[in-house]
Amino acid sequence: MKNVREYFKPTSIPEAVNLLREYPGKGAFIAGGTNIVVEKDPTLDYLVDVNHLGLNYITEDEHLIHIGAGTTIEQLYASRLVNTLASGLFVQVASWFASRQIRNVATIGGNVAEGLSAADTVPPLMAMDAQIVLVGEIERTLPIMEFFRKEGLTVLNQELVKEFIIPKEFQQARGKFLKNARTREDISIVSVTTVVLMDGGVCRKVRIALGAVAPTPIRIPQAEALLEGQIPTKELIEQAADTVVAQIAPIDNFRAMAQFRKDISHTYTKRALSECCHIVI
């Protein structure tokens, strides 16, 4: 950060995008700054502040909930509308998301745009079939699943994350977020998110998403398929947890060994699915 020479405060999205795309040198967007300031990238020449673009909003229409990329984690935590989704899934996430001081400035857009495997807001977005809106030379909308590249990067190409769109059908869903970390303020060693839409006693839609067990956050459709269209049982949940472990690729690092991450993923998947399906294990 010591080489940053310019700091811009645009007041419109086109102005912000044009600055990133056309100003000489290497630039980056900054909102809460909780990632970029810590990273201290020495190659950055300038920063584009996106806090004055009107992106801190939560709105709804007949079928969708819209969350602006500038919405802070604390605003998600406090929003009655957002927390009608999947048993208050974002309240569960926010309660494990750093300190209140960090939550007051960290934004959902920044958490996602970094493309980090351990980003806590991403698995819940994946588990609720969220779409992400990007603005660059054009504006485009794509499923959150398509935002991440397998090798650990994102599809961002000098673009700004504008908003996230979540279908209201997930207001009828049951959701559970579980996170293993050294403390509530630390980043994830493993996170597991499950969301289940029931139709009578049958699982109509099942989503299982994990963080910190692959180069990017991931969903496990092979495990989801075992439960969809079925009456949930202990045996099916056990099979789904086994399938999750078979599909992830955690690494050894200073936070945890790969085998520990696999064991936690199995345990948390069983626990989260059992709670969503009201099955006692």
Protein backbone atom coordinates (compact mmCIF):
# COMPACT_ATOMS: atom_id res chain seq x y z
CA MET A 1 0.00 0.00 0.00
CA LYS A 2 2.97 2.35 0.48
CA ASN A 3 3.17 2.92 -3.29
CA VAL A 4 -0.44 4.11 -3.63
CA ARG A 5 -0.27 7.59 -5.16
CA GLU A 6 -3.93 8.38 -5.85
CA TYR A 7 -7.22 7.85 -4.00
CA PHE A 8 -10.45 8.47 -5.91
CA LYS A 9 -14.00 8.94 -4.59
CA PRO A 10 -16.36 8.54 -7.56
CA THR A 11 -20.07 9.20 -7.11
CA SER A 12 -21.43 6.93 -9.85
CA ILE A 13 -20.87 3.37 -10.97
CA PRO A 14 -19.77 4.34 -14.52
CA GLU A 15 -17.22 6.78 -13.08
CA ALA A 16 -15.83 4.12 -10.74
CA VAL A 17 -15.57 1.49 -13.47
CA ASN A 18 -13.95 3.92 -15.91
CA LEU A 19 -11.32 4.85 -13.33
CA LEU A 20 -10.38 1.23 -12.81
CA ARG A 21 -10.30 0.46 -16.51
CA GLU A 22 -8.65 3.61 -17.88
CA TYR A 23 -6.48 5.29 -15.24
CA PRO A 24 -2.75 4.50 -15.68
CA GLY A 25 -1.19 1.94 -13.38
CA LYS A 26 -2.69 -0.80 -11.23
CA GLY A 27 -5.82 0.07 -9.29
CA ALA A 28 -8.32 -1.63 -7.02
CA PHE A 29 -11.73 -0.94 -5.57
CA ILE A 30 -11.93 -0.36 -1.83
CA ALA A 31 -14.99 -0.38 0.43
CA GLY A 32 -14.42 -1.49 4.02
CA GLY A 33 -10.76 -2.22 3.32
CA THR A 34 -10.63 -5.17 5.72
CA ASN A 35 -8.90 -7.35 3.13
CA ILE A 36 -6.99 -4.96 0.92
CA VAL A 37 -5.39 -3.03 3.79
CA VAL A 38 -4.21 -6.24 5.43
CA GLU A 39 -2.82 -7.62 2.18
CA LYS A 40 -0.66 -4.50 1.63
CA ASP A 41 -0.18 -5.16 -2.09
CA PRO A 42 3.01 -3.21 -3.01
CA THR A 43 2.08 -3.14 -6.70
CA LEU A 44 -1.03 -0.97 -6.26
CA ASP A 45 -0.80 2.54 -7.69
CA TYR A 46 -4.26 3.85 -6.83
CA LEU A 47 -7.53 3.03 -5.04
CA VAL A 48 -11.12 3.67 -6.09
CA ASP A 49 -13.45 4.18 -3.13
CA VAL A 50 -16.87 2.62 -3.83
CA ASN A 51 -18.61 3.82 -0.67
CA HIS A 52 -20.43 6.66 -2.42
CA LEU A 53 -22.12 4.67 -5.20
CA GLY A 54 -25.38 3.86 -3.41
CA LEU A 55 -24.63 0.14 -3.17
CA ASN A 56 -25.55 -0.36 0.49
CA TYR A 57 -29.17 -1.44 0.03
CA ILE A 58 -31.49 -4.36 0.68
CA THR A 59 -34.68 -4.37 -1.39
CA GLU A 60 -37.28 -6.82 -2.64
CA ASP A 61 -39.71 -7.33 -5.46
CA GLU A 62 -42.34 -10.01 -5.95
CA HIS A 63 -39.93 -12.91 -6.38
CA LEU A 64 -36.44 -11.71 -5.43
CA ILE A 65 -34.37 -10.10 -2.70
CA HIS A 66 -31.63 -7.71 -3.85
CA ILE A 67 -28.56 -7.07 -1.70
CA GLY A 68 -26.23 -4.27 -2.76
CA ALA A 69 -22.53 -5.13 -2.79
CA GLY A 70 -21.83 -2.23 -0.40
CA THR A 71 -24.07 -3.71 2.30
CA THR A 72 -22.04 -4.38 5.43
CA ILE A 73 -22.08 -7.67 7.29
CA GLU A 74 -23.64 -5.90 10.28
CA GLN A 75 -26.45 -4.59 8.05
CA LEU A 76 -27.12 -8.15 6.89
CA TYR A 77 -27.19 -9.26 10.51
CA ALA A 78 -29.76 -6.56 11.40
CA SER A 79 -31.99 -6.87 8.31
CA ARG A 80 -35.38 -8.44 8.99
CA LEU A 81 -35.86 -9.03 5.27
CA VAL A 82 -32.55 -10.80 4.71
CA ASN A 83 -33.08 -12.95 7.74
CA THR A 84 -36.37 -14.33 6.45
CA LEU A 85 -34.10 -16.44 4.22
CA ALA A 86 -33.34 -20.03 5.24
CA SER A 87 -33.84 -19.83 9.00
CA GLY A 88 -31.91 -16.58 9.31
CA LEU A 89 -28.86 -17.98 7.55
CA PHE A 90 -27.03 -14.63 7.41
CA VAL A 91 -27.50 -14.09 11.14
CA GLN A 92 -25.74 -17.40 11.64
CA VAL A 93 -22.93 -16.30 9.32
CA ALA A 94 -22.54 -12.85 10.87
CA SER A 95 -22.31 -14.25 14.38
CA TRP A 96 -19.08 -15.99 13.28
CA PHE A 97 -17.79 -13.12 11.13
CA ALA A 98 -14.92 -11.37 12.93
CA SER A 99 -15.71 -8.63 15.45
CA ARG A 100 -18.51 -6.07 15.38
CA GLN A 101 -15.97 -3.40 14.46
CA ILE A 102 -15.03 -5.41 11.36
CA ARG A 103 -18.66 -6.25 10.54
CA ASN A 104 -19.51 -2.55 10.59
CA VAL A 105 -17.17 -1.86 7.66
CA ALA A 106 -16.70 -5.19 5.85
CA THR A 107 -19.08 -5.54 2.89
CA ILE A 108 -20.62 -8.59 1.30
CA GLY A 109 -19.30 -7.46 -2.07
CA GLY A 110 -15.74 -7.23 -0.83
CA ASN A 111 -15.96 -10.60 0.89
CA VAL A 112 -17.07 -12.25 -2.36
CA ALA A 113 -14.92 -10.29 -4.81
CA GLU A 114 -11.67 -11.36 -3.18
CA GLY A 115 -12.36 -14.92 -4.36
CA LEU A 116 -11.06 -16.43 -1.15
CA SER A 117 -11.85 -20.05 -0.35
CA ALA A 118 -12.61 -19.18 3.27
CA ALA A 119 -15.00 -16.28 2.52
CA ASP A 120 -17.91 -16.95 4.86
CA THR A 121 -20.69 -15.26 2.87
CA VAL A 122 -20.09 -17.28 -0.30
CA PRO A 123 -21.34 -20.77 0.70
CA PRO A 124 -24.69 -19.33 1.92
CA LEU A 125 -25.05 -17.43 -1.35
CA MET A 126 -24.29 -20.61 -3.27
CA ALA A 127 -26.74 -22.56 -1.15
CA MET A 128 -29.54 -20.12 -2.01
CA ASP A 129 -28.92 -20.10 -5.78
CA ALA A 130 -27.83 -16.45 -5.68
CA GLN A 131 -26.95 -14.49 -8.78
CA ILE A 132 -24.24 -11.83 -8.90
CA VAL A 133 -24.42 -8.65 -10.97
CA LEU A 134 -21.14 -7.31 -12.39
CA VAL A 135 -20.56 -3.97 -14.10
CA GLY A 136 -17.69 -3.35 -16.48
CA GLU A 137 -17.84 -2.46 -20.13
CA ILE A 138 -21.32 -3.98 -19.92
CA GLU A 139 -23.53 -5.11 -17.05
CA ARG A 140 -23.94 -8.86 -16.73
CA THR A 141 -25.70 -11.21 -14.33
CA LEU A 142 -24.50 -14.74 -13.66
CA PRO A 143 -25.04 -17.49 -11.08
CA ILE A 144 -22.69 -17.15 -8.14
CA MET A 145 -21.41 -20.65 -8.98
CA GLU A 146 -20.01 -19.28 -12.26
CA PHE A 147 -18.20 -16.39 -10.56
CA PHE A 148 -15.38 -18.60 -9.29
CA ARG A 149 -12.79 -20.37 -11.42
CA LYS A 150 -11.66 -23.83 -10.35
CA GLU A 151 -8.05 -22.77 -9.92
CA GLY A 152 -9.00 -20.26 -7.24
CA LEU A 153 -9.60 -17.07 -9.21
CA THR A 154 -12.77 -15.22 -10.21
CA VAL A 155 -14.18 -14.11 -13.55
CA LEU A 156 -13.81 -10.41 -12.67
CA ASN A 157 -12.29 -8.51 -15.57
CA GLN A 158 -11.90 -4.91 -14.39
CA GLU A 159 -15.49 -5.10 -13.19
CA LEU A 160 -17.37 -3.91 -10.13
CA VAL A 161 -19.61 -6.22 -8.10
CA LYS A 162 -22.95 -4.39 -7.98
CA GLU A 163 -25.42 -6.67 -6.20
CA PHE A 164 -26.60 -10.15 -5.27
CA ILE A 165 -30.04 -11.53 -6.11
CA ILE A 166 -31.65 -14.32 -4.09
CA PRO A 167 -34.95 -16.07 -4.95
CA LYS A 168 -37.66 -15.61 -2.35
CA GLU A 169 -38.46 -19.32 -2.41
CA PHE A 170 -35.66 -19.69 0.14
CA GLN A 171 -37.80 -17.87 2.67
CA GLN A 172 -39.53 -21.25 3.05
CA ALA A 173 -36.25 -23.14 3.39
CA ARG A 174 -34.41 -24.39 6.44
CA GLY A 175 -30.77 -23.41 6.60
CA LYS A 176 -27.74 -24.07 8.78
CA PHE A 177 -24.24 -22.55 8.77
CA LEU A 178 -21.47 -24.21 10.77
CA LYS A 179 -17.91 -22.92 11.00
CA ASN A 180 -14.78 -24.32 12.54
CA ALA A 181 -12.18 -21.70 13.43
CA ARG A 182 -9.71 -21.04 16.21
CA THR A 183 -11.97 -18.23 17.50
CA ARG A 184 -15.16 -16.57 16.33
CA GLU A 185 -13.04 -13.72 14.99
CA ASP A 186 -10.69 -15.90 12.94
CA ILE A 187 -11.16 -17.06 9.34
CA SER A 188 -12.63 -20.46 8.62
CA ILE A 189 -10.74 -23.71 8.88
CA VAL A 190 -13.89 -25.28 7.45
CA SER A 191 -17.39 -23.92 6.91
CA VAL A 192 -20.45 -25.94 5.93
CA THR A 193 -23.77 -24.51 4.77
CA THR A 194 -26.85 -26.62 4.09
CA VAL A 195 -30.24 -25.43 2.85
CA VAL A 196 -33.25 -27.71 2.47
CA LEU A 197 -36.67 -26.98 0.95
CA MET A 198 -39.20 -29.55 2.06
CA ASP A 199 -42.43 -30.53 0.32
CA GLY A 200 -44.41 -32.46 2.88
CA GLY A 201 -41.90 -34.96 4.18
CA VAL A 202 -39.80 -34.99 0.99
CA CYS A 203 -36.66 -32.98 0.25
CA ARG A 204 -37.64 -30.93 -2.79
CA LYS A 205 -34.39 -28.98 -3.04
CA VAL A 206 -31.11 -29.56 -1.18
CA ARG A 207 -28.00 -27.39 -1.26
CA ILE A 208 -24.66 -28.23 0.37
CA ALA A 209 -21.81 -25.70 0.12
CA LEU A 210 -18.44 -25.56 1.84
CA GLY A 211 -15.64 -23.08 2.35
CA ALA A 212 -11.91 -23.56 2.93
CA VAL A 213 -11.80 -27.12 1.56
CA ALA A 214 -10.86 -26.37 -2.07
CA PRO A 215 -9.26 -23.52 -4.04
CA THR A 216 -12.65 -21.75 -4.00
CA PRO A 217 -15.89 -22.18 -2.08
CA ILE A 218 -17.80 -25.08 -3.61
CA ARG A 219 -21.17 -26.80 -3.80
CA ILE A 220 -21.46 -30.58 -3.78
CA PRO A 221 -24.28 -31.49 -6.23
CA GLN A 222 -23.44 -35.21 -6.00
CA ALA A 223 -24.34 -35.17 -2.30
CA GLU A 224 -27.40 -32.99 -2.87
CA ALA A 225 -28.78 -35.46 -5.42
CA LEU A 226 -28.80 -38.27 -2.84
CA LEU A 227 -31.45 -36.42 -0.81
CA GLU A 228 -33.50 -34.57 -3.41
CA GLY A 229 -36.84 -36.26 -4.01
CA GLN A 230 -36.33 -38.49 -0.98
CA ILE A 231 -37.70 -38.72 2.53
CA PRO A 232 -34.59 -37.87 4.60
CA THR A 233 -33.14 -40.59 6.81
CA LYS A 234 -30.02 -41.01 8.93
CA GLU A 235 -28.64 -43.37 6.31
CA LEU A 236 -29.11 -40.91 3.43
CA ILE A 237 -27.56 -38.10 5.45
CA GLU A 238 -24.58 -40.34 6.23
CA GLN A 239 -24.19 -41.12 2.52
CA ALA A 240 -24.37 -37.42 1.68
CA ALA A 241 -21.63 -36.64 4.22
CA ASP A 242 -19.47 -39.42 2.79
CA THR A 243 -19.95 -37.99 -0.69
CA VAL A 244 -18.96 -34.51 0.48
CA VAL A 245 -15.66 -35.83 1.81
CA ALA A 246 -15.01 -37.67 -1.45
CA GLN A 247 -15.51 -34.46 -3.47
CA ILE A 248 -13.45 -31.94 -1.50
CA ALA A 249 -9.71 -31.30 -1.80
CA PRO A 250 -8.46 -29.61 1.39
CA ILE A 251 -4.81 -28.82 1.97
CA ASP A 252 -2.40 -28.96 4.88
CA ASN A 253 -1.42 -25.53 6.23
CA PHE A 254 -0.64 -23.80 9.51
CA ARG A 255 -4.34 -23.65 10.41
CA ALA A 256 -5.18 -27.34 10.04
CA MET A 257 -4.23 -30.59 8.34
CA ALA A 258 -6.22 -31.83 5.35
CA GLN A 259 -7.50 -34.89 7.23
CA PHE A 260 -8.83 -32.70 10.02
CA ARG A 261 -10.70 -30.61 7.45
CA LYS A 262 -12.19 -33.79 5.96
CA ASP A 263 -13.29 -35.05 9.37
CA ILE A 264 -14.90 -31.72 10.26
CA SER A 265 -16.59 -31.50 6.86
CA HIS A 266 -18.15 -34.93 7.41
CA THR A 267 -19.32 -34.14 10.94
CA TYR A 268 -20.65 -30.68 10.11
CA THR A 269 -22.46 -31.88 6.98
CA LYS A 270 -24.27 -34.54 9.00
CA ARG A 271 -25.09 -32.08 11.77
CA ALA A 272 -26.32 -29.34 9.45
CA LEU A 273 -28.42 -31.63 7.25
CA SER A 274 -29.92 -33.34 10.29
CA GLU A 275 -31.01 -29.99 11.70
CA CYS A 276 -32.48 -28.87 8.38
CA CYS A 277 -34.34 -32.17 7.97
CA HIS A 278 -35.34 -32.45 11.65
CA ILE A 279 -33.53 -35.78 11.96
CA VAL A 280 -31.96 -36.75 15.29
CA ILE A 281 -28.49 -38.25 14.90
